[in-house]
PDB file of N, CA and C in Angstrom:
ATOM      1  N   MET A   1      78.630 -15.946 -63.213  1.00  0.00           N
ATOM      2  CA  MET A   1      78.799 -16.263 -64.616  1.00  0.00           C
ATOM      3  C   MET A   1      79.781 -15.266 -65.288  1.00  0.00           C
ATOM      4  N   ASN A   2      80.555 -15.722 -65.957  1.00  0.00           N
ATOM      5  CA  ASN A   2      81.754 -14.853 -66.761  1.00  0.00           C
ATOM      6  C   ASN A   2      81.696 -15.212 -68.068  1.00  0.00           C
ATOM      7  N   LEU A   3      81.581 -14.573 -69.038  1.00  0.00           N
ATOM      8  CA  LEU A   3      81.664 -14.959 -70.618  1.00  0.00           C
ATOM      9  C   LEU A   3      82.817 -14.221 -71.328  1.00  0.00           C
ATOM     10  N   SER A   4      83.576 -14.620 -72.028  1.00  0.00           N
ATOM     11  CA  SER A   4      84.867 -13.918 -72.776  1.00  0.00           C
ATOM     12  C   SER A   4      84.806 -14.665 -74.218  1.00  0.00           C
ATOM     13  N   ARG A   5      85.465 -13.761 -75.289  1.00  0.00           N
ATOM     14  CA  ARG A   5      86.148 -14.235 -76.327  1.00  0.00           C
ATOM     15  C   ARG A   5      87.319 -14.377 -76.206  1.00  0.00           C
ATOM     16  N   GLU A   6      88.028 -15.291 -76.819  1.00  0.00           N
ATOM     17  CA  GLU A   6      89.620 -15.211 -76.732  1.00  0.00           C
ATOM     18  C   GLU A   6      90.130 -15.761 -78.417  1.00  0.00           C
ATOM     19  N   ILE A   7      91.244 -15.336 -78.582  1.00  0.00           N
ATOM     20  CA  ILE A   7      91.934 -15.480 -79.979  1.00  0.00           C
ATOM     21  C   ILE A   7      93.155 -16.221 -79.380  1.00  0.00           C
ATOM     22  N   LEU A   8      93.112 -17.328 -79.916  1.00  0.00           N
ATOM     23  CA  LEU A   8      94.410 -18.167 -79.204  1.00  0.00           C
ATOM     24  C   LEU A   8      95.577 -18.112 -80.682  1.00  0.00           C
ATOM     25  N   ALA A   9      96.736 -18.153 -79.820  1.00  0.00           N
ATOM     26  CA  ALA A   9      97.742 -18.607 -80.730  1.00  0.00           C
ATOM     27  C   ALA A   9      97.708 -19.801 -81.581  1.00  0.00           C
ATOM     28  N   GLY A  10      98.440 -19.894 -82.561  1.00  0.00           N
ATOM     29  CA  GLY A  10      97.885 -20.852 -83.629  1.00  0.00           C
ATOM     30  C   GLY A  10      98.486 -22.617 -83.017  1.00  0.00           C
ATOM     31  N   ASN A  11      99.576 -22.299 -81.964  1.00  0.00           N
ATOM     32  CA  ASN A  11     100.153 -23.522 -81.563  1.00  0.00           C
ATOM     33  C   ASN A  11      99.556 -23.735 -80.125  1.00  0.00           C
ATOM     34  N   ARG A  12      98.555 -23.643 -79.778  1.00  0.00           N
ATOM     35  CA  ARG A  12      97.353 -23.744 -78.351  1.00  0.00           C
ATOM     36  C   ARG A  12      96.640 -25.058 -78.987  1.00  0.00           C
ATOM     37  N   VAL A  13      96.328 -25.553 -77.633  1.00  0.00           N
ATOM     38  CA  VAL A  13      96.012 -26.992 -77.855  1.00  0.00           C
ATOM     39  C   VAL A  13      94.184 -26.470 -78.828  1.00  0.00           C
ATOM     40  N   LEU A  14      93.467 -25.557 -78.213  1.00  0.00           N
ATOM     41  CA  LEU A  14      92.511 -25.140 -78.799  1.00  0.00           C
ATOM     42  C   LEU A  14      92.222 -24.253 -79.543  1.00  0.00           C
ATOM     43  N   SER A  15      93.342 -24.114 -80.628  1.00  0.00           N
ATOM     44  CA  SER A  15      93.565 -23.050 -81.469  1.00  0.00           C
ATOM     45  C   SER A  15      92.794 -23.666 -82.777  1.00  0.00           C
ATOM     46  N   ILE A  16      91.937 -23.032 -83.526  1.00  0.00           N
ATOM     47  CA  ILE A  16      91.189 -23.555 -84.630  1.00  0.00           C
ATOM     48  C   ILE A  16      91.303 -22.339 -85.704  1.00  0.00           C
ATOM     49  N   GLY A  17      90.890 -22.849 -86.968  1.00  0.00           N
ATOM     50  CA  GLY A  17      90.651 -21.860 -88.056  1.00  0.00           C
ATOM     51  C   GLY A  17      89.514 -21.950 -88.879  1.00  0.00           C
ATOM     52  N   GLY A  18      89.603 -20.974 -89.740  1.00  0.00           N
ATOM     53  CA  GLY A  18      88.511 -20.797 -90.674  1.00  0.00           C
ATOM     54  C   GLY A  18      87.180 -20.633 -90.346  1.00  0.00           C
ATOM     55  N   THR A  19      86.121 -21.216 -90.498  1.00  0.00           N
ATOM     56  CA  THR A  19      84.864 -20.673 -89.657  1.00  0.00           C
ATOM     57  C   THR A  19      84.432 -21.978 -88.976  1.00  0.00           C
ATOM     58  N   PHE A  20      85.653 -22.564 -88.456  1.00  0.00           N
ATOM     59  CA  PHE A  20      85.020 -23.332 -87.573  1.00  0.00           C
ATOM     60  C   PHE A  20      85.036 -22.680 -86.048  1.00  0.00           C
ATOM     61  N   ASN A  21      84.076 -22.955 -84.886  1.00  0.00           N
ATOM     62  CA  ASN A  21      84.082 -22.311 -83.800  1.00  0.00           C
ATOM     63  C   ASN A  21      84.077 -23.074 -82.688  1.00  0.00           C
ATOM     64  N   LEU A  22      84.280 -22.969 -81.525  1.00  0.00           N
ATOM     65  CA  LEU A  22      84.625 -23.467 -80.364  1.00  0.00           C
ATOM     66  C   LEU A  22      84.095 -23.163 -79.546  1.00  0.00           C
ATOM     67  N   ALA A  23      83.241 -23.504 -78.214  1.00  0.00           N
ATOM     68  CA  ALA A  23      82.863 -22.869 -77.393  1.00  0.00           C
ATOM     69  C   ALA A  23      83.471 -23.888 -76.218  1.00  0.00           C
ATOM     70  N   SER A  24      83.863 -23.156 -75.117  1.00  0.00           N
ATOM     71  CA  SER A  24      84.427 -24.136 -74.003  1.00  0.00           C
ATOM     72  C   SER A  24      83.755 -23.810 -72.743  1.00  0.00           C
ATOM     73  N   ILE A  25      82.857 -24.606 -71.913  1.00  0.00           N
ATOM     74  CA  ILE A  25      82.483 -23.983 -70.556  1.00  0.00           C
ATOM     75  C   ILE A  25      82.580 -24.763 -69.716  1.00  0.00           C
ATOM     76  N   ARG A  26      83.169 -24.185 -68.667  1.00  0.00           N
ATOM     77  CA  ARG A  26      83.281 -24.841 -67.289  1.00  0.00           C
ATOM     78  C   ARG A  26      81.909 -24.820 -66.553  1.00  0.00           C
ATOM     79  N   THR A  27      81.982 -25.807 -65.997  1.00  0.00           N
ATOM     80  CA  THR A  27      80.670 -26.271 -64.873  1.00  0.00           C
ATOM     81  C   THR A  27      81.223 -26.660 -63.728  1.00  0.00           C
ATOM     82  N   GLU A  28      80.425 -26.358 -62.339  1.00  0.00           N
ATOM     83  CA  GLU A  28      80.839 -27.106 -61.051  1.00  0.00           C
ATOM     84  C   GLU A  28      80.478 -28.619 -61.290  1.00  0.00           C
ATOM     85  N   LEU A  29      79.510 -28.608 -61.961  1.00  0.00           N
ATOM     86  CA  LEU A  29      79.068 -30.285 -61.786  1.00  0.00           C
ATOM     87  C   LEU A  29      79.540 -31.296 -62.717  1.00  0.00           C
ATOM     88  N   ALA A  30      79.590 -30.644 -63.927  1.00  0.00           N
ATOM     89  CA  ALA A  30      80.304 -31.435 -65.005  1.00  0.00           C
ATOM     90  C   ALA A  30      81.756 -30.960 -65.651  1.00  0.00           C
ATOM     91  N   GLY A  31      82.212 -29.814 -64.995  1.00  0.00           N
ATOM     92  CA  GLY A  31      83.594 -29.695 -65.698  1.00  0.00           C
ATOM     93  C   GLY A  31      83.596 -28.995 -66.684  1.00  0.00           C
ATOM     94  N   ARG A  32      84.615 -28.966 -67.706  1.00  0.00           N
ATOM     95  CA  ARG A  32      84.641 -28.358 -68.729  1.00  0.00           C
ATOM     96  C   ARG A  32      84.203 -29.255 -69.828  1.00  0.00           C
ATOM     97  N   ILE A  33      83.104 -28.542 -70.248  1.00  0.00           N
ATOM     98  CA  ILE A  33      82.441 -29.267 -71.663  1.00  0.00           C
ATOM     99  C   ILE A  33      82.712 -28.055 -72.863  1.00  0.00           C
ATOM    100  N   THR A  34      83.420 -28.995 -73.714  1.00  0.00           N
ATOM    101  CA  THR A  34      83.903 -28.082 -75.074  1.00  0.00           C
ATOM    102  C   THR A  34      82.748 -28.720 -76.587  1.00  0.00           C
ATOM    103  N   ILE A  35      82.381 -27.658 -77.175  1.00  0.00           N
ATOM    104  CA  ILE A  35      81.320 -27.862 -78.255  1.00  0.00           C
ATOM    105  C   ILE A  35      82.094 -27.059 -79.502  1.00  0.00           C
ATOM    106  N   GLY A  36      82.002 -27.603 -80.416  1.00  0.00           N
ATOM    107  CA  GLY A  36      82.533 -27.181 -81.759  1.00  0.00           C
ATOM    108  C   GLY A  36      81.908 -27.442 -82.994  1.00  0.00           C
ATOM    109  N   GLY A  37      82.116 -26.740 -84.076  1.00  0.00           N
ATOM    110  CA  GLY A  37      81.254 -26.670 -85.390  1.00  0.00           C
ATOM    111  C   GLY A  37      81.476 -25.531 -86.537  1.00  0.00           C
ATOM    112  N   ILE A  38      80.965 -26.068 -87.532  1.00  0.00           N
ATOM    113  CA  ILE A  38      81.171 -24.906 -88.612  1.00  0.00           C
ATOM    114  C   ILE A  38      80.113 -23.501 -88.077  1.00  0.00           C
ATOM    115  N   GLY A  39      80.657 -22.359 -88.437  1.00  0.00           N
ATOM    116  CA  GLY A  39      80.112 -21.209 -88.058  1.00  0.00           C
ATOM    117  C   GLY A  39      79.483 -20.789 -89.000  1.00  0.00           C
ATOM    118  N   ALA A  40      78.341 -19.800 -88.606  1.00  0.00           N
ATOM    119  CA  ALA A  40      77.431 -18.704 -89.726  1.00  0.00           C
ATOM    120  C   ALA A  40      78.418 -17.611 -90.016  1.00  0.00           C
ATOM    121  N   GLY A  41      79.240 -17.272 -89.116  1.00  0.00           N
ATOM    122  CA  GLY A  41      80.059 -15.780 -89.302  1.00  0.00           C
ATOM    123  C   GLY A  41      80.433 -15.559 -87.619  1.00  0.00           C
ATOM    124  N   SER A  42      81.280 -14.708 -87.484  1.00  0.00           N
ATOM    125  CA  SER A  42      81.265 -14.294 -86.118  1.00  0.00           C
ATOM    126  C   SER A  42      80.223 -13.471 -85.330  1.00  0.00           C
ATOM    127  N   VAL A  43      79.596 -12.656 -86.143  1.00  0.00           N
ATOM    128  CA  VAL A  43      78.372 -12.134 -85.330  1.00  0.00           C
ATOM    129  C   VAL A  43      77.215 -12.737 -85.378  1.00  0.00           C
ATOM    130  N   GLU A  44      77.065 -13.565 -85.870  1.00  0.00           N
ATOM    131  CA  GLU A  44      75.973 -14.544 -85.901  1.00  0.00           C
ATOM    132  C   GLU A  44      76.203 -15.756 -84.901  1.00  0.00           C
ATOM    133  N   THR A  45      77.498 -15.955 -84.876  1.00  0.00           N
ATOM    134  CA  THR A  45      77.732 -16.998 -83.798  1.00  0.00           C
ATOM    135  C   THR A  45      77.585 -16.825 -82.586  1.00  0.00           C
ATOM    136  N   ALA A  46      78.130 -15.509 -82.516  1.00  0.00           N
ATOM    137  CA  ALA A  46      78.320 -15.087 -81.004  1.00  0.00           C
ATOM    138  C   ALA A  46      76.857 -14.915 -80.431  1.00  0.00           C
ATOM    139  N   SER A  47      76.278 -14.161 -81.483  1.00  0.00           N
ATOM    140  CA  SER A  47      74.615 -13.686 -80.890  1.00  0.00           C
ATOM    141  C   SER A  47      73.847 -15.086 -80.444  1.00  0.00           C
ATOM    142  N   ALA A  48      74.022 -16.182 -81.113  1.00  0.00           N
ATOM    143  CA  ALA A  48      73.423 -17.521 -80.631  1.00  0.00           C
ATOM    144  C   ALA A  48      73.983 -17.926 -79.734  1.00  0.00           C
ATOM    145  N   ILE A  49      75.474 -17.646 -79.279  1.00  0.00           N
ATOM    146  CA  ILE A  49      75.925 -18.758 -78.055  1.00  0.00           C
ATOM    147  C   ILE A  49      75.598 -17.705 -76.808  1.00  0.00           C
ATOM    148  N   LEU A  50      75.562 -16.585 -77.220  1.00  0.00           N
ATOM    149  CA  LEU A  50      75.287 -15.327 -75.892  1.00  0.00           C
ATOM    150  C   LEU A  50      73.675 -16.143 -75.603  1.00  0.00           C
ATOM    151  N   SER A  51      72.786 -16.010 -76.701  1.00  0.00           N
ATOM    152  CA  SER A  51      71.396 -16.459 -76.386  1.00  0.00           C
ATOM    153  C   SER A  51      71.202 -17.759 -75.446  1.00  0.00           C
ATOM    154  N   ASP A  52      71.938 -18.733 -75.952  1.00  0.00           N
ATOM    155  CA  ASP A  52      71.962 -20.080 -75.436  1.00  0.00           C
ATOM    156  C   ASP A  52      72.603 -19.867 -73.748  1.00  0.00           C
ATOM    157  N   VAL A  53      73.509 -19.124 -73.869  1.00  0.00           N
ATOM    158  CA  VAL A  53      74.013 -19.179 -72.396  1.00  0.00           C
ATOM    159  C   VAL A  53      72.993 -18.262 -71.273  1.00  0.00           C
ATOM    160  N   LEU A  54      72.624 -17.489 -72.041  1.00  0.00           N
ATOM    161  CA  LEU A  54      71.570 -16.491 -71.205  1.00  0.00           C
ATOM    162  C   LEU A  54      70.416 -17.195 -70.811  1.00  0.00           C
ATOM    163  N   TRP A  55      70.044 -17.981 -71.800  1.00  0.00           N
ATOM    164  CA  TRP A  55      68.745 -18.977 -71.658  1.00  0.00           C
ATOM    165  C   TRP A  55      68.932 -19.988 -70.497  1.00  0.00           C
ATOM    166  N   ILE A  56      70.213 -20.682 -70.806  1.00  0.00           N
ATOM    167  CA  ILE A  56      70.537 -21.796 -69.372  1.00  0.00           C
ATOM    168  C   ILE A  56      70.724 -20.942 -68.086  1.00  0.00           C
ATOM    169  N   HIS A  57      71.506 -19.890 -68.238  1.00  0.00           N
ATOM    170  CA  HIS A  57      71.391 -19.184 -67.046  1.00  0.00           C
ATOM    171  C   HIS A  57      70.173 -18.924 -66.156  1.00  0.00           C
ATOM    172  N   GLN A  58      69.077 -18.268 -67.022  1.00  0.00           N
ATOM    173  CA  GLN A  58      67.697 -18.107 -66.622  1.00  0.00           C
ATOM    174  C   GLN A  58      67.063 -19.106 -66.089  1.00  0.00           C
ATOM    175  N   ALA A  59      67.494 -20.498 -66.804  1.00  0.00           N
ATOM    176  CA  ALA A  59      67.057 -21.523 -66.561  1.00  0.00           C
ATOM    177  C   ALA A  59      67.290 -22.038 -65.365  1.00  0.00           C
ATOM    178  N   LEU A  60      68.569 -21.989 -64.898  1.00  0.00           N
ATOM    179  CA  LEU A  60      69.109 -22.374 -63.595  1.00  0.00           C
ATOM    180  C   LEU A  60      68.887 -21.834 -62.431  1.00  0.00           C
ATOM    181  N   ARG A  61      68.577 -20.489 -62.608  1.00  0.00           N
ATOM    182  CA  ARG A  61      68.283 -19.500 -61.521  1.00  0.00           C
ATOM    183  C   ARG A  61      66.443 -19.830 -61.199  1.00  0.00           C
ATOM    184  N   GLY A  62      66.099 -20.530 -62.193  1.00  0.00           N
ATOM    185  CA  GLY A  62      64.546 -20.826 -61.828  1.00  0.00           C
ATOM    186  C   GLY A  62      63.370 -19.494 -62.210  1.00  0.00           C
TER     187      GLY A  62
END
């Protein structure tokens, strides 16, 4: 599993602004899944996403 944060140039397809957040996940079975929505702030959002990703990782490991 790899996890990273990226800041994209304004002309990129996935570029967003303001407090809107976007997570793009690539999976073997479903391909790329992209989820977006209004965020609570960078630290809070990063914490929530990391928590969810770790929960999914643990659930898949059994």
